[in-house]
Amino acid sequence: MRVAVVTISDRASRGEYEDLSGPEIERQVLARFPDAAVSRRVVPDEPDAILAALEAEAVADFIFTTGGTGLSQRDVTPEATRRFCDREAPGIAEALRAQSYTETPAAMLSRGYAGMRGSCLVVNFPGSVKAGSRYMEVLGPVMEHALRMIRGEGHP
């Protein structure tokens, strides 16, 4: 399993802020899938930079982005992800928001998106350590099944 984690943050990309959510997502992936190959990168909240990072990581089975899913003008991750993907996977984003909403009403403000580009599944996470952990708790149990489906291996 190949997983890419892309942190989208102006401040972290400039070295002004330590990326904490990307390492947390990586930790969560490796705790569940110790043999997974995980890569990480940090880019600014710029559509072209986000698209370039997604393109560079498109060989992964999963790309998890963290950051840029809120309501501010700089939060452009969902739009860039939509441009990158050729198919939507709305149930994933719906499930993640629904689970998050049980903990905080602010979850309804997340605009995270999920979709596919070829055989790569892309999921937007909010840019917080807590969200990275919670989203992986929800998504982790279905990742192997998703990978089998993407690869055309069918249901177990």
N, C-alpha and C. Protein backbone atom coordinates (compact mmCIF):
# COMPACT_ATOMS: atom_id res chain seq x y z
N MET A 1 0.85 -1.17 0.00
CA MET A 1 0.00 0.00 0.00
C MET A 1 0.89 1.24 0.00
N ARG A 2 0.60 2.14 -0.91
CA ARG A 2 1.34 3.41 -1.01
C ARG A 2 0.42 4.55 -0.61
N VAL A 3 0.86 5.33 0.36
CA VAL A 3 0.07 6.44 0.87
C VAL A 3 0.91 7.71 0.83
N ALA A 4 0.35 8.75 0.27
CA ALA A 4 1.00 10.07 0.27
C ALA A 4 0.19 11.00 1.16
N VAL A 5 0.89 11.75 1.98
CA VAL A 5 0.25 12.75 2.84
C VAL A 5 0.74 14.12 2.39
N VAL A 6 -0.19 14.97 1.99
CA VAL A 6 0.16 16.30 1.51
C VAL A 6 -0.44 17.33 2.47
N THR A 7 0.42 18.04 3.16
CA THR A 7 -0.02 19.10 4.05
C THR A 7 -0.11 20.39 3.25
N ILE A 8 -1.24 21.07 3.36
CA ILE A 8 -1.46 22.31 2.64
C ILE A 8 -1.55 23.43 3.67
N SER A 9 -0.48 24.22 3.72
CA SER A 9 -0.40 25.29 4.72
C SER A 9 0.62 26.32 4.28
N ASP A 10 0.19 27.56 4.18
CA ASP A 10 1.12 28.64 3.84
C ASP A 10 2.24 28.72 4.88
N ARG A 11 1.85 28.77 6.15
CA ARG A 11 2.85 28.95 7.21
C ARG A 11 3.80 27.76 7.31
N ALA A 12 3.30 26.55 7.24
CA ALA A 12 4.18 25.38 7.33
C ALA A 12 5.11 25.31 6.11
N SER A 13 4.61 25.71 4.94
CA SER A 13 5.45 25.66 3.74
C SER A 13 6.58 26.68 3.80
N ARG A 14 6.38 27.75 4.57
CA ARG A 14 7.42 28.77 4.75
C ARG A 14 8.30 28.49 5.96
N GLY A 15 8.02 27.43 6.69
CA GLY A 15 8.81 27.09 7.87
C GLY A 15 8.46 27.90 9.10
N GLU A 16 7.35 28.61 9.07
CA GLU A 16 6.92 29.44 10.21
C GLU A 16 6.13 28.65 11.23
N TYR A 17 5.69 27.47 10.85
CA TYR A 17 4.79 26.68 11.67
C TYR A 17 5.15 25.22 11.44
N GLU A 18 5.25 24.45 12.50
CA GLU A 18 5.58 23.03 12.36
C GLU A 18 4.34 22.26 11.92
N ASP A 19 4.49 21.48 10.87
CA ASP A 19 3.40 20.62 10.41
C ASP A 19 3.22 19.50 11.42
N LEU A 20 2.10 19.46 12.08
CA LEU A 20 1.80 18.40 13.05
C LEU A 20 0.77 17.41 12.52
N SER A 21 -0.13 17.88 11.65
CA SER A 21 -1.19 16.99 11.17
C SER A 21 -0.66 15.95 10.18
N GLY A 22 0.27 16.33 9.32
CA GLY A 22 0.83 15.36 8.37
C GLY A 22 1.52 14.20 9.08
N PRO A 23 2.42 14.47 10.03
CA PRO A 23 3.04 13.38 10.77
C PRO A 23 2.04 12.52 11.54
N GLU A 24 0.97 13.12 12.04
CA GLU A 24 -0.05 12.34 12.75
C GLU A 24 -0.76 11.38 11.81
N ILE A 25 -1.09 11.85 10.62
CA ILE A 25 -1.73 10.96 9.65
C ILE A 25 -0.79 9.83 9.28
N GLU A 26 0.48 10.15 9.05
CA GLU A 26 1.47 9.11 8.75
C GLU A 26 1.54 8.09 9.89
N ARG A 27 1.58 8.58 11.12
CA ARG A 27 1.64 7.69 12.28
C ARG A 27 0.42 6.77 12.33
N GLN A 28 -0.74 7.33 12.06
CA GLN A 28 -1.97 6.54 12.08
C GLN A 28 -1.97 5.48 10.97
N VAL A 29 -1.51 5.85 9.79
CA VAL A 29 -1.45 4.88 8.68
C VAL A 29 -0.51 3.74 9.05
N LEU A 30 0.68 4.08 9.54
CA LEU A 30 1.68 3.04 9.85
C LEU A 30 1.27 2.19 11.05
N ALA A 31 0.50 2.74 11.97
CA ALA A 31 0.01 1.94 13.09
C ALA A 31 -0.95 0.86 12.59
N ARG A 32 -1.72 1.18 11.59
CA ARG A 32 -2.70 0.23 11.04
C ARG A 32 -2.09 -0.64 9.95
N PHE A 33 -1.17 -0.08 9.17
CA PHE A 33 -0.56 -0.78 8.04
C PHE A 33 0.96 -0.62 8.12
N PRO A 34 1.63 -1.40 8.96
CA PRO A 34 3.07 -1.21 9.19
C PRO A 34 3.93 -1.34 7.93
N ASP A 35 3.46 -2.06 6.93
CA ASP A 35 4.24 -2.24 5.71
C ASP A 35 3.96 -1.19 4.64
N ALA A 36 3.09 -0.24 4.95
CA ALA A 36 2.75 0.79 3.97
C ALA A 36 3.96 1.67 3.68
N ALA A 37 4.07 2.09 2.44
CA ALA A 37 5.08 3.09 2.06
C ALA A 37 4.40 4.45 2.12
N VAL A 38 4.89 5.31 3.01
CA VAL A 38 4.25 6.61 3.21
C VAL A 38 5.23 7.72 2.84
N SER A 39 4.76 8.66 2.03
CA SER A 39 5.55 9.85 1.71
C SER A 39 4.79 11.06 2.23
N ARG A 40 5.54 12.12 2.51
CA ARG A 40 4.91 13.36 2.98
C ARG A 40 5.53 14.54 2.28
N ARG A 41 4.72 15.56 2.07
CA ARG A 41 5.21 16.83 1.53
C ARG A 41 4.31 17.95 2.05
N VAL A 42 4.85 19.16 2.01
CA VAL A 42 4.13 20.35 2.47
C VAL A 42 4.14 21.36 1.34
N VAL A 43 2.96 21.93 1.05
CA VAL A 43 2.83 22.93 -0.01
C VAL A 43 1.98 24.09 0.50
N PRO A 44 2.11 25.27 -0.12
CA PRO A 44 1.28 26.41 0.29
C PRO A 44 -0.16 26.27 -0.21
N ASP A 45 -1.02 27.11 0.33
CA ASP A 45 -2.43 27.15 -0.06
C ASP A 45 -2.59 27.84 -1.41
N GLU A 46 -2.02 27.26 -2.42
CA GLU A 46 -2.09 27.79 -3.78
C GLU A 46 -2.58 26.66 -4.69
N PRO A 47 -3.63 26.90 -5.47
CA PRO A 47 -4.17 25.84 -6.33
C PRO A 47 -3.12 25.14 -7.18
N ASP A 48 -2.22 25.90 -7.81
CA ASP A 48 -1.21 25.28 -8.68
C ASP A 48 -0.24 24.41 -7.89
N ALA A 49 0.14 24.85 -6.69
CA ALA A 49 1.04 24.05 -5.86
C ALA A 49 0.35 22.77 -5.39
N ILE A 50 -0.93 22.88 -5.05
CA ILE A 50 -1.68 21.70 -4.62
C ILE A 50 -1.80 20.71 -5.77
N LEU A 51 -2.18 21.21 -6.93
CA LEU A 51 -2.30 20.34 -8.11
C LEU A 51 -0.97 19.67 -8.45
N ALA A 52 0.11 20.41 -8.39
CA ALA A 52 1.43 19.83 -8.68
C ALA A 52 1.77 18.73 -7.68
N ALA A 53 1.45 18.93 -6.40
CA ALA A 53 1.73 17.90 -5.40
C ALA A 53 0.87 16.67 -5.65
N LEU A 54 -0.40 16.87 -5.97
CA LEU A 54 -1.28 15.73 -6.26
C LEU A 54 -0.77 14.96 -7.49
N GLU A 55 -0.37 15.70 -8.51
CA GLU A 55 0.17 15.05 -9.72
C GLU A 55 1.41 14.23 -9.38
N ALA A 56 2.30 14.81 -8.57
CA ALA A 56 3.55 14.13 -8.20
C ALA A 56 3.29 12.87 -7.40
N GLU A 57 2.20 12.83 -6.66
CA GLU A 57 1.90 11.68 -5.80
C GLU A 57 0.86 10.75 -6.41
N ALA A 58 0.47 10.97 -7.64
CA ALA A 58 -0.61 10.20 -8.26
C ALA A 58 -0.32 8.71 -8.40
N VAL A 59 0.92 8.29 -8.19
CA VAL A 59 1.23 6.86 -8.24
C VAL A 59 0.84 6.16 -6.94
N ALA A 60 0.48 6.91 -5.91
CA ALA A 60 0.07 6.33 -4.64
C ALA A 60 -1.32 5.71 -4.77
N ASP A 61 -1.60 4.80 -3.87
CA ASP A 61 -2.95 4.23 -3.80
C ASP A 61 -3.90 5.22 -3.14
N PHE A 62 -3.39 5.93 -2.15
CA PHE A 62 -4.17 6.91 -1.41
C PHE A 62 -3.35 8.20 -1.29
N ILE A 63 -4.01 9.33 -1.47
CA ILE A 63 -3.43 10.62 -1.12
C ILE A 63 -4.35 11.23 -0.08
N PHE A 64 -3.80 11.53 1.08
CA PHE A 64 -4.55 12.22 2.12
C PHE A 64 -3.98 13.63 2.23
N THR A 65 -4.83 14.61 1.99
CA THR A 65 -4.39 15.99 2.17
C THR A 65 -4.84 16.44 3.55
N THR A 66 -4.11 17.37 4.12
CA THR A 66 -4.49 17.93 5.41
C THR A 66 -4.35 19.44 5.34
N GLY A 67 -5.45 20.12 5.62
CA GLY A 67 -5.45 21.57 5.58
C GLY A 67 -6.19 22.14 4.39
N GLY A 68 -6.62 23.38 4.54
CA GLY A 68 -7.24 24.10 3.43
C GLY A 68 -8.67 23.70 3.12
N THR A 69 -9.40 23.15 4.12
CA THR A 69 -10.77 22.70 3.85
C THR A 69 -11.83 23.58 4.49
N GLY A 70 -11.42 24.68 5.11
CA GLY A 70 -12.37 25.54 5.83
C GLY A 70 -13.03 26.57 4.93
N LEU A 71 -13.46 27.64 5.55
CA LEU A 71 -14.25 28.66 4.84
C LEU A 71 -13.46 29.90 4.45
N SER A 72 -12.20 29.99 4.82
CA SER A 72 -11.45 31.20 4.50
C SER A 72 -11.14 31.26 3.00
N GLN A 73 -10.82 32.44 2.53
CA GLN A 73 -10.51 32.64 1.12
C GLN A 73 -9.30 31.82 0.67
N ARG A 74 -8.37 31.53 1.58
CA ARG A 74 -7.16 30.77 1.25
C ARG A 74 -7.41 29.26 1.25
N ASP A 75 -8.56 28.82 1.74
CA ASP A 75 -8.87 27.39 1.80
C ASP A 75 -9.38 26.92 0.43
N VAL A 76 -8.44 26.43 -0.39
CA VAL A 76 -8.77 26.06 -1.77
C VAL A 76 -8.51 24.58 -2.06
N THR A 77 -8.24 23.80 -1.03
CA THR A 77 -7.92 22.39 -1.23
C THR A 77 -9.05 21.62 -1.92
N PRO A 78 -10.31 21.76 -1.50
CA PRO A 78 -11.36 20.99 -2.18
C PRO A 78 -11.47 21.32 -3.67
N GLU A 79 -11.34 22.58 -4.00
CA GLU A 79 -11.44 22.97 -5.42
C GLU A 79 -10.29 22.38 -6.23
N ALA A 80 -9.08 22.44 -5.69
CA ALA A 80 -7.93 21.87 -6.40
C ALA A 80 -8.07 20.35 -6.53
N THR A 81 -8.57 19.72 -5.48
CA THR A 81 -8.74 18.26 -5.51
C THR A 81 -9.79 17.87 -6.54
N ARG A 82 -10.88 18.63 -6.61
CA ARG A 82 -11.91 18.35 -7.62
C ARG A 82 -11.33 18.44 -9.03
N ARG A 83 -10.49 19.43 -9.25
CA ARG A 83 -9.87 19.58 -10.58
C ARG A 83 -8.98 18.39 -10.90
N PHE A 84 -8.31 17.85 -9.88
CA PHE A 84 -7.39 16.73 -10.07
C PHE A 84 -8.13 15.42 -10.32
N CYS A 85 -9.22 15.20 -9.65
CA CYS A 85 -9.94 13.92 -9.71
C CYS A 85 -10.82 13.82 -10.95
N ASP A 86 -11.03 12.57 -11.38
CA ASP A 86 -11.94 12.35 -12.50
C ASP A 86 -13.23 11.65 -12.07
N ARG A 87 -13.29 11.20 -10.80
CA ARG A 87 -14.52 10.60 -10.26
C ARG A 87 -14.66 11.01 -8.80
N GLU A 88 -15.90 11.24 -8.38
CA GLU A 88 -16.15 11.59 -6.99
C GLU A 88 -16.35 10.33 -6.15
N ALA A 89 -16.09 10.48 -4.84
CA ALA A 89 -16.38 9.45 -3.85
C ALA A 89 -17.06 10.15 -2.67
N PRO A 90 -18.28 10.66 -2.88
CA PRO A 90 -18.92 11.52 -1.89
C PRO A 90 -19.21 10.84 -0.56
N GLY A 91 -19.42 9.54 -0.55
CA GLY A 91 -19.73 8.85 0.70
C GLY A 91 -18.62 8.97 1.72
N ILE A 92 -17.39 9.05 1.25
CA ILE A 92 -16.25 9.16 2.17
C ILE A 92 -16.31 10.50 2.90
N ALA A 93 -16.40 11.59 2.15
CA ALA A 93 -16.44 12.92 2.78
C ALA A 93 -17.66 13.05 3.68
N GLU A 94 -18.79 12.50 3.26
CA GLU A 94 -20.00 12.55 4.08
C GLU A 94 -19.80 11.81 5.40
N ALA A 95 -19.22 10.62 5.34
CA ALA A 95 -19.01 9.82 6.56
C ALA A 95 -18.03 10.51 7.50
N LEU A 96 -16.97 11.08 6.95
CA LEU A 96 -15.98 11.75 7.79
C LEU A 96 -16.59 12.96 8.49
N ARG A 97 -17.35 13.75 7.76
CA ARG A 97 -17.99 14.92 8.38
C ARG A 97 -19.02 14.49 9.42
N ALA A 98 -19.79 13.45 9.11
CA ALA A 98 -20.82 12.99 10.05
C ALA A 98 -20.18 12.53 11.36
N GLN A 99 -19.11 11.77 11.28
CA GLN A 99 -18.43 11.32 12.49
C GLN A 99 -17.86 12.50 13.26
N SER A 100 -17.25 13.42 12.56
CA SER A 100 -16.68 14.60 13.22
C SER A 100 -17.76 15.44 13.89
N TYR A 101 -18.92 15.51 13.28
CA TYR A 101 -20.00 16.32 13.82
C TYR A 101 -20.46 15.80 15.18
N THR A 102 -20.30 14.49 15.43
CA THR A 102 -20.68 13.95 16.74
C THR A 102 -19.80 14.51 17.85
N GLU A 103 -18.63 15.03 17.49
CA GLU A 103 -17.71 15.60 18.47
C GLU A 103 -17.74 17.12 18.50
N THR A 104 -17.99 17.75 17.34
CA THR A 104 -18.01 19.21 17.30
C THR A 104 -18.93 19.69 16.18
N PRO A 105 -19.85 20.60 16.49
CA PRO A 105 -20.72 21.15 15.45
C PRO A 105 -19.94 21.88 14.36
N ALA A 106 -18.72 22.34 14.65
CA ALA A 106 -17.92 23.04 13.64
C ALA A 106 -17.56 22.14 12.47
N ALA A 107 -17.73 20.83 12.62
CA ALA A 107 -17.42 19.90 11.52
C ALA A 107 -18.25 20.20 10.27
N MET A 108 -19.43 20.78 10.48
CA MET A 108 -20.27 21.08 9.32
C MET A 108 -19.66 22.17 8.44
N LEU A 109 -18.65 22.87 8.94
CA LEU A 109 -17.99 23.92 8.17
C LEU A 109 -16.88 23.38 7.29
N SER A 110 -16.53 22.11 7.45
CA SER A 110 -15.48 21.52 6.63
C SER A 110 -16.01 21.28 5.22
N ARG A 111 -15.20 21.62 4.24
CA ARG A 111 -15.59 21.44 2.84
C ARG A 111 -14.78 20.33 2.18
N GLY A 112 -14.23 19.44 3.00
CA GLY A 112 -13.40 18.37 2.47
C GLY A 112 -14.08 17.57 1.38
N TYR A 113 -13.29 17.08 0.46
CA TYR A 113 -13.75 16.37 -0.74
C TYR A 113 -13.02 15.03 -0.80
N ALA A 114 -13.64 14.07 -1.45
CA ALA A 114 -12.99 12.79 -1.74
C ALA A 114 -13.32 12.39 -3.17
N GLY A 115 -12.30 11.89 -3.86
CA GLY A 115 -12.50 11.48 -5.24
C GLY A 115 -11.34 10.62 -5.70
N MET A 116 -11.43 10.22 -6.95
CA MET A 116 -10.41 9.35 -7.52
C MET A 116 -9.84 9.94 -8.78
N ARG A 117 -8.59 9.65 -8.99
CA ARG A 117 -7.91 9.92 -10.26
C ARG A 117 -7.29 8.61 -10.67
N GLY A 118 -7.85 7.98 -11.68
CA GLY A 118 -7.38 6.65 -12.05
C GLY A 118 -7.59 5.69 -10.90
N SER A 119 -6.52 5.07 -10.43
CA SER A 119 -6.61 4.12 -9.32
C SER A 119 -6.11 4.72 -8.01
N CYS A 120 -6.09 6.03 -7.92
CA CYS A 120 -5.64 6.74 -6.72
C CYS A 120 -6.85 7.39 -6.04
N LEU A 121 -7.04 7.10 -4.77
CA LEU A 121 -8.12 7.70 -3.99
C LEU A 121 -7.57 8.88 -3.20
N VAL A 122 -8.20 10.04 -3.35
CA VAL A 122 -7.76 11.27 -2.70
C VAL A 122 -8.82 11.70 -1.69
N VAL A 123 -8.38 11.96 -0.45
CA VAL A 123 -9.31 12.38 0.60
C VAL A 123 -8.73 13.61 1.29
N ASN A 124 -9.56 14.65 1.41
CA ASN A 124 -9.17 15.87 2.13
C ASN A 124 -9.50 15.73 3.61
N PHE A 125 -8.50 16.00 4.46
CA PHE A 125 -8.67 16.04 5.91
C PHE A 125 -8.54 17.50 6.34
N PRO A 126 -9.24 17.91 7.41
CA PRO A 126 -8.96 19.23 7.98
C PRO A 126 -7.52 19.27 8.49
N GLY A 127 -7.01 20.46 8.68
CA GLY A 127 -5.60 20.61 9.07
C GLY A 127 -5.36 20.63 10.56
N SER A 128 -5.80 19.61 11.26
CA SER A 128 -5.52 19.52 12.69
C SER A 128 -5.11 18.11 13.05
N VAL A 129 -4.34 17.99 14.12
CA VAL A 129 -3.90 16.68 14.59
C VAL A 129 -5.12 15.83 14.97
N LYS A 130 -6.05 16.43 15.69
CA LYS A 130 -7.24 15.69 16.12
C LYS A 130 -8.03 15.17 14.92
N ALA A 131 -8.22 16.02 13.91
CA ALA A 131 -8.96 15.59 12.72
C ALA A 131 -8.22 14.47 12.01
N GLY A 132 -6.90 14.56 11.91
CA GLY A 132 -6.13 13.50 11.27
C GLY A 132 -6.33 12.17 11.96
N SER A 133 -6.31 12.19 13.27
CA SER A 133 -6.50 10.98 14.06
C SER A 133 -7.92 10.45 13.90
N ARG A 134 -8.91 11.31 14.04
CA ARG A 134 -10.31 10.88 13.95
C ARG A 134 -10.66 10.39 12.55
N TYR A 135 -10.21 11.09 11.54
CA TYR A 135 -10.51 10.68 10.18
C TYR A 135 -9.90 9.31 9.87
N MET A 136 -8.70 9.08 10.36
CA MET A 136 -8.08 7.76 10.13
C MET A 136 -8.82 6.66 10.89
N GLU A 137 -9.40 6.98 12.04
CA GLU A 137 -10.21 5.99 12.76
C GLU A 137 -11.41 5.56 11.93
N VAL A 138 -11.97 6.50 11.18
CA VAL A 138 -13.13 6.21 10.34
C VAL A 138 -12.71 5.55 9.03
N LEU A 139 -11.69 6.08 8.40
CA LEU A 139 -11.28 5.62 7.08
C LEU A 139 -10.43 4.35 7.12
N GLY A 140 -9.59 4.23 8.13
CA GLY A 140 -8.67 3.10 8.23
C GLY A 140 -9.31 1.73 8.05
N PRO A 141 -10.43 1.45 8.70
CA PRO A 141 -11.03 0.12 8.58
C PRO A 141 -11.52 -0.25 7.18
N VAL A 142 -11.71 0.72 6.30
CA VAL A 142 -12.18 0.39 4.95
C VAL A 142 -11.10 0.54 3.87
N MET A 143 -9.89 0.92 4.27
CA MET A 143 -8.84 1.17 3.27
C MET A 143 -8.47 -0.09 2.50
N GLU A 144 -8.31 -1.22 3.16
CA GLU A 144 -7.96 -2.45 2.43
C GLU A 144 -9.07 -2.85 1.47
N HIS A 145 -10.30 -2.74 1.93
CA HIS A 145 -11.43 -3.06 1.06
C HIS A 145 -11.46 -2.11 -0.14
N ALA A 146 -11.25 -0.83 0.10
CA ALA A 146 -11.21 0.14 -1.00
C ALA A 146 -10.12 -0.21 -1.99
N LEU A 147 -8.96 -0.58 -1.47
CA LEU A 147 -7.84 -0.91 -2.35
C LEU A 147 -8.17 -2.13 -3.21
N ARG A 148 -8.81 -3.14 -2.63
CA ARG A 148 -9.21 -4.31 -3.42
C ARG A 148 -10.20 -3.92 -4.51
N MET A 149 -11.14 -3.05 -4.17
CA MET A 149 -12.13 -2.62 -5.16
C MET A 149 -11.45 -1.83 -6.29
N ILE A 150 -10.58 -0.91 -5.93
CA ILE A 150 -9.88 -0.09 -6.92
C ILE A 150 -9.07 -0.98 -7.86
N ARG A 151 -8.45 -2.01 -7.31
CA ARG A 151 -7.63 -2.91 -8.12
C ARG A 151 -8.46 -3.94 -8.89
N GLY A 152 -9.78 -3.90 -8.75
CA GLY A 152 -10.64 -4.82 -9.47
C GLY A 152 -10.69 -6.21 -8.87
N GLU A 153 -10.31 -6.33 -7.61
CA GLU A 153 -10.28 -7.64 -6.95
C GLU A 153 -11.64 -8.01 -6.35
N GLY A 154 -12.59 -7.10 -6.36
CA GLY A 154 -13.94 -7.38 -5.86
C GLY A 154 -14.02 -7.45 -4.35
N HIS A 155 -15.17 -7.92 -3.89
CA HIS A 155 -15.43 -8.04 -2.46
C HIS A 155 -14.79 -9.31 -1.93
N PRO A 156 -14.38 -9.29 -0.64
CA PRO A 156 -13.77 -10.50 -0.08
C PRO A 156 -14.76 -11.63 0.06
